[in-house]
Amino acid sequence: MKTIVNITLAAALLLTAPLAAFAQEFTKGTVKKVDVAGKKVTITHEDLKNLDMPGMTMVFRVKDDAIFAKLKEGANIEFIAERADGKLVVAQVK
C-alpha cells in the first residue's frame, strides 16, 4: 500500500513541476515613451530576472496592441518581458 501511495505522490509531483517553470514574475517599471505606430515602448525597469538582465532603460516591442491601453508615459507599471523571435517584447502588463 505504501508503494502505491509513493508512486501516486511522485506522479503528482512530476505533473505539477513543469508548471513552476512557466510561472513568470512581474517586473516593476516606468513607461518613458510609447510608440503605437512602431509597436514599441520605452521602459525604465528593475532587474528582469527571467531574462537575466539588470535594471536599465530600454525599448521593447509590444506583443499585443491591446497592451497599449495600459501604457501611458510616466505610468508606473508591472510587466512581463520575454524573448520572441529574437526580440524582447512586453507580453503582459498589470
N, C-alpha and C. Protein backbone atom coordinates (compact mmCIF):
# COMPACT_ATOMS: atom_id res chain seq x y z
N MET A 1 0.81 -1.19 0.00
CA MET A 1 0.00 0.00 0.00
C MET A 1 0.86 1.26 0.00
N LYS A 2 1.95 1.24 0.80
CA LYS A 2 2.84 2.39 0.84
C LYS A 2 3.44 2.67 -0.53
N THR A 3 3.74 1.62 -1.27
CA THR A 3 4.33 1.77 -2.60
C THR A 3 3.36 2.50 -3.53
N ILE A 4 2.10 2.16 -3.48
CA ILE A 4 1.10 2.81 -4.33
C ILE A 4 0.99 4.29 -3.98
N VAL A 5 0.99 4.60 -2.69
CA VAL A 5 0.91 5.99 -2.25
C VAL A 5 2.14 6.76 -2.72
N ASN A 6 3.32 6.16 -2.57
CA ASN A 6 4.55 6.82 -3.00
C ASN A 6 4.58 7.05 -4.51
N ILE A 7 4.13 6.08 -5.27
CA ILE A 7 4.10 6.22 -6.73
C ILE A 7 3.11 7.31 -7.13
N THR A 8 1.95 7.33 -6.49
CA THR A 8 0.94 8.36 -6.79
C THR A 8 1.47 9.75 -6.45
N LEU A 9 2.12 9.87 -5.30
CA LEU A 9 2.68 11.16 -4.90
C LEU A 9 3.77 11.60 -5.88
N ALA A 10 4.64 10.70 -6.27
CA ALA A 10 5.70 11.02 -7.22
C ALA A 10 5.12 11.46 -8.56
N ALA A 11 4.09 10.78 -9.02
CA ALA A 11 3.45 11.14 -10.29
C ALA A 11 2.83 12.53 -10.21
N ALA A 12 2.19 12.83 -9.09
CA ALA A 12 1.58 14.16 -8.92
C ALA A 12 2.64 15.25 -8.93
N LEU A 13 3.76 15.01 -8.28
CA LEU A 13 4.84 15.99 -8.28
C LEU A 13 5.42 16.19 -9.67
N LEU A 14 5.57 15.12 -10.42
CA LEU A 14 6.10 15.23 -11.78
C LEU A 14 5.16 16.01 -12.69
N LEU A 15 3.88 15.88 -12.48
CA LEU A 15 2.92 16.60 -13.31
C LEU A 15 2.85 18.08 -12.99
N THR A 16 3.08 18.46 -11.74
CA THR A 16 2.97 19.87 -11.36
C THR A 16 4.30 20.61 -11.46
N ALA A 17 5.41 19.94 -11.45
CA ALA A 17 6.72 20.60 -11.50
C ALA A 17 6.90 21.47 -12.74
N PRO A 18 6.52 21.02 -13.93
CA PRO A 18 6.72 21.87 -15.11
C PRO A 18 5.93 23.18 -15.05
N LEU A 19 4.84 23.23 -14.33
CA LEU A 19 4.05 24.45 -14.24
C LEU A 19 4.83 25.57 -13.59
N ALA A 20 5.70 25.26 -12.65
CA ALA A 20 6.51 26.28 -11.99
C ALA A 20 7.44 26.96 -12.97
N ALA A 21 7.90 26.24 -13.97
CA ALA A 21 8.80 26.82 -14.96
C ALA A 21 8.09 27.88 -15.80
N PHE A 22 6.76 27.75 -15.95
CA PHE A 22 6.02 28.70 -16.76
C PHE A 22 5.57 29.93 -15.97
N ALA A 23 5.62 29.85 -14.66
CA ALA A 23 5.22 31.00 -13.84
C ALA A 23 6.26 32.09 -14.01
N GLN A 24 5.83 33.24 -14.49
CA GLN A 24 6.75 34.34 -14.70
C GLN A 24 6.46 35.44 -13.70
N GLU A 25 7.51 36.11 -13.31
CA GLU A 25 7.42 37.15 -12.31
C GLU A 25 7.24 38.50 -12.99
N PHE A 26 6.33 39.31 -12.46
CA PHE A 26 6.16 40.66 -12.98
C PHE A 26 7.31 41.52 -12.49
N THR A 27 7.73 42.47 -13.33
CA THR A 27 8.83 43.39 -13.03
C THR A 27 8.26 44.80 -12.97
N LYS A 28 8.73 45.59 -12.01
CA LYS A 28 8.29 46.98 -11.90
C LYS A 28 9.06 47.85 -12.87
N GLY A 29 8.35 48.83 -13.44
CA GLY A 29 8.99 49.74 -14.37
C GLY A 29 8.19 51.02 -14.51
N THR A 30 8.79 51.99 -15.20
CA THR A 30 8.14 53.26 -15.50
C THR A 30 8.18 53.48 -17.00
N VAL A 31 7.03 53.77 -17.58
CA VAL A 31 6.94 54.00 -19.02
C VAL A 31 7.53 55.36 -19.34
N LYS A 32 8.49 55.39 -20.25
CA LYS A 32 9.14 56.64 -20.66
C LYS A 32 8.59 57.16 -21.98
N LYS A 33 8.31 56.25 -22.92
CA LYS A 33 7.83 56.66 -24.24
C LYS A 33 6.98 55.55 -24.83
N VAL A 34 5.91 55.93 -25.51
CA VAL A 34 5.03 54.97 -26.16
C VAL A 34 5.00 55.30 -27.65
N ASP A 35 5.29 54.31 -28.49
CA ASP A 35 5.28 54.46 -29.95
C ASP A 35 4.31 53.44 -30.53
N VAL A 36 3.03 53.84 -30.60
CA VAL A 36 1.99 52.92 -31.07
C VAL A 36 2.24 52.54 -32.53
N ALA A 37 2.60 53.51 -33.37
CA ALA A 37 2.83 53.23 -34.80
C ALA A 37 3.96 52.23 -34.99
N GLY A 38 5.01 52.35 -34.18
CA GLY A 38 6.15 51.45 -34.28
C GLY A 38 6.00 50.19 -33.45
N LYS A 39 4.88 50.10 -32.71
CA LYS A 39 4.60 48.96 -31.82
C LYS A 39 5.72 48.75 -30.81
N LYS A 40 6.19 49.88 -30.21
CA LYS A 40 7.28 49.83 -29.24
C LYS A 40 6.96 50.68 -28.02
N VAL A 41 7.64 50.36 -26.93
CA VAL A 41 7.53 51.14 -25.70
C VAL A 41 8.90 51.19 -25.04
N THR A 42 9.24 52.35 -24.48
CA THR A 42 10.49 52.50 -23.74
C THR A 42 10.15 52.47 -22.25
N ILE A 43 10.84 51.60 -21.52
CA ILE A 43 10.57 51.40 -20.10
C ILE A 43 11.87 51.42 -19.31
N THR A 44 11.88 52.17 -18.19
CA THR A 44 12.95 52.07 -17.21
C THR A 44 12.48 51.01 -16.22
N HIS A 45 13.25 49.94 -16.08
CA HIS A 45 12.77 48.80 -15.30
C HIS A 45 13.79 48.29 -14.30
N GLU A 46 13.28 47.51 -13.33
CA GLU A 46 14.13 46.80 -12.38
C GLU A 46 14.74 45.59 -13.10
N ASP A 47 15.51 44.79 -12.38
CA ASP A 47 16.12 43.59 -12.97
C ASP A 47 15.05 42.70 -13.59
N LEU A 48 15.33 42.22 -14.81
CA LEU A 48 14.46 41.24 -15.47
C LEU A 48 15.05 39.88 -15.16
N LYS A 49 14.59 39.27 -14.08
CA LYS A 49 15.18 38.02 -13.59
C LYS A 49 15.02 36.88 -14.59
N ASN A 50 13.87 36.80 -15.26
CA ASN A 50 13.66 35.70 -16.21
C ASN A 50 14.54 35.82 -17.44
N LEU A 51 15.05 37.03 -17.73
CA LEU A 51 15.94 37.23 -18.88
C LEU A 51 17.38 37.46 -18.44
N ASP A 52 17.63 37.42 -17.13
CA ASP A 52 18.97 37.62 -16.56
C ASP A 52 19.56 38.95 -17.02
N MET A 53 18.76 40.03 -16.89
CA MET A 53 19.20 41.36 -17.30
C MET A 53 19.07 42.32 -16.12
N PRO A 54 20.06 43.21 -15.96
CA PRO A 54 19.97 44.19 -14.88
C PRO A 54 18.95 45.28 -15.22
N GLY A 55 18.60 46.06 -14.21
CA GLY A 55 17.70 47.18 -14.43
C GLY A 55 18.33 48.21 -15.35
N MET A 56 17.53 48.79 -16.22
CA MET A 56 18.01 49.79 -17.18
C MET A 56 16.81 50.40 -17.90
N THR A 57 17.08 51.31 -18.82
CA THR A 57 16.04 51.86 -19.69
C THR A 57 16.24 51.24 -21.05
N MET A 58 15.17 50.67 -21.61
CA MET A 58 15.30 50.03 -22.92
C MET A 58 13.98 50.03 -23.67
N VAL A 59 14.08 49.76 -24.96
CA VAL A 59 12.92 49.71 -25.84
C VAL A 59 12.49 48.26 -26.01
N PHE A 60 11.20 48.04 -25.88
CA PHE A 60 10.61 46.71 -26.07
C PHE A 60 9.59 46.78 -27.20
N ARG A 61 9.43 45.69 -27.90
CA ARG A 61 8.29 45.53 -28.80
C ARG A 61 7.08 45.24 -27.91
N VAL A 62 5.89 45.47 -28.43
CA VAL A 62 4.67 45.17 -27.69
C VAL A 62 3.99 43.99 -28.38
N LYS A 63 3.77 42.93 -27.61
CA LYS A 63 3.26 41.67 -28.16
C LYS A 63 1.84 41.79 -28.73
N ASP A 64 0.99 42.54 -28.04
CA ASP A 64 -0.41 42.64 -28.43
C ASP A 64 -0.84 44.10 -28.36
N ASP A 65 -1.49 44.60 -29.41
CA ASP A 65 -1.91 46.00 -29.45
C ASP A 65 -2.80 46.39 -28.26
N ALA A 66 -3.53 45.45 -27.70
CA ALA A 66 -4.40 45.74 -26.56
C ALA A 66 -3.60 46.21 -25.34
N ILE A 67 -2.33 45.85 -25.28
CA ILE A 67 -1.47 46.25 -24.16
C ILE A 67 -1.27 47.76 -24.14
N PHE A 68 -1.31 48.41 -25.31
CA PHE A 68 -1.08 49.86 -25.37
C PHE A 68 -2.07 50.64 -24.50
N ALA A 69 -3.25 50.10 -24.26
CA ALA A 69 -4.25 50.78 -23.42
C ALA A 69 -3.74 50.95 -21.99
N LYS A 70 -2.79 50.12 -21.57
CA LYS A 70 -2.24 50.17 -20.21
C LYS A 70 -0.92 50.93 -20.14
N LEU A 71 -0.44 51.42 -21.27
CA LEU A 71 0.87 52.07 -21.33
C LEU A 71 0.72 53.57 -21.57
N LYS A 72 0.93 54.35 -20.54
CA LYS A 72 0.88 55.81 -20.63
C LYS A 72 2.22 56.36 -20.16
N GLU A 73 2.75 57.35 -20.86
CA GLU A 73 4.04 57.93 -20.47
C GLU A 73 3.99 58.41 -19.02
N GLY A 74 5.01 58.03 -18.25
CA GLY A 74 5.10 58.39 -16.84
C GLY A 74 4.42 57.41 -15.90
N ALA A 75 3.68 56.45 -16.44
CA ALA A 75 2.95 55.49 -15.59
C ALA A 75 3.90 54.46 -14.99
N ASN A 76 3.67 54.14 -13.72
CA ASN A 76 4.38 53.04 -13.08
C ASN A 76 3.59 51.77 -13.37
N ILE A 77 4.28 50.76 -13.88
CA ILE A 77 3.62 49.53 -14.28
C ILE A 77 4.34 48.32 -13.70
N GLU A 78 3.70 47.18 -13.80
CA GLU A 78 4.32 45.89 -13.57
C GLU A 78 4.09 45.11 -14.84
N PHE A 79 5.15 44.51 -15.37
CA PHE A 79 5.04 43.85 -16.67
C PHE A 79 5.87 42.58 -16.73
N ILE A 80 5.55 41.76 -17.73
CA ILE A 80 6.35 40.58 -18.03
C ILE A 80 6.98 40.78 -19.39
N ALA A 81 8.30 40.66 -19.45
CA ALA A 81 9.03 40.74 -20.71
C ALA A 81 9.51 39.34 -21.06
N GLU A 82 9.56 39.06 -22.34
CA GLU A 82 10.06 37.76 -22.81
C GLU A 82 10.72 37.94 -24.17
N ARG A 83 11.43 36.90 -24.58
CA ARG A 83 12.03 36.90 -25.92
C ARG A 83 11.06 36.24 -26.89
N ALA A 84 10.88 36.88 -28.04
CA ALA A 84 10.03 36.32 -29.09
C ALA A 84 10.67 36.65 -30.43
N ASP A 85 10.99 35.65 -31.19
CA ASP A 85 11.63 35.83 -32.49
C ASP A 85 12.91 36.66 -32.38
N GLY A 86 13.67 36.44 -31.30
CA GLY A 86 14.94 37.13 -31.12
C GLY A 86 14.83 38.56 -30.61
N LYS A 87 13.62 39.00 -30.30
CA LYS A 87 13.42 40.37 -29.82
C LYS A 87 12.81 40.32 -28.42
N LEU A 88 13.04 41.38 -27.66
CA LEU A 88 12.43 41.50 -26.34
C LEU A 88 11.06 42.15 -26.49
N VAL A 89 10.06 41.53 -25.89
CA VAL A 89 8.69 42.04 -26.01
C VAL A 89 8.03 42.14 -24.64
N VAL A 90 7.12 43.09 -24.52
CA VAL A 90 6.25 43.17 -23.35
C VAL A 90 5.09 42.24 -23.64
N ALA A 91 4.95 41.21 -22.83
CA ALA A 91 3.91 40.20 -23.05
C ALA A 91 2.66 40.46 -22.22
N GLN A 92 2.84 41.04 -21.02
CA GLN A 92 1.70 41.32 -20.13
C GLN A 92 1.98 42.57 -19.33
N VAL A 93 0.92 43.29 -18.98
CA VAL A 93 1.02 44.47 -18.12
C VAL A 93 -0.14 44.43 -17.14
N LYS A 94 0.17 44.78 -15.88
CA LYS A 94 -0.94 44.91 -14.91
C LYS A 94 -0.84 46.22 -14.20
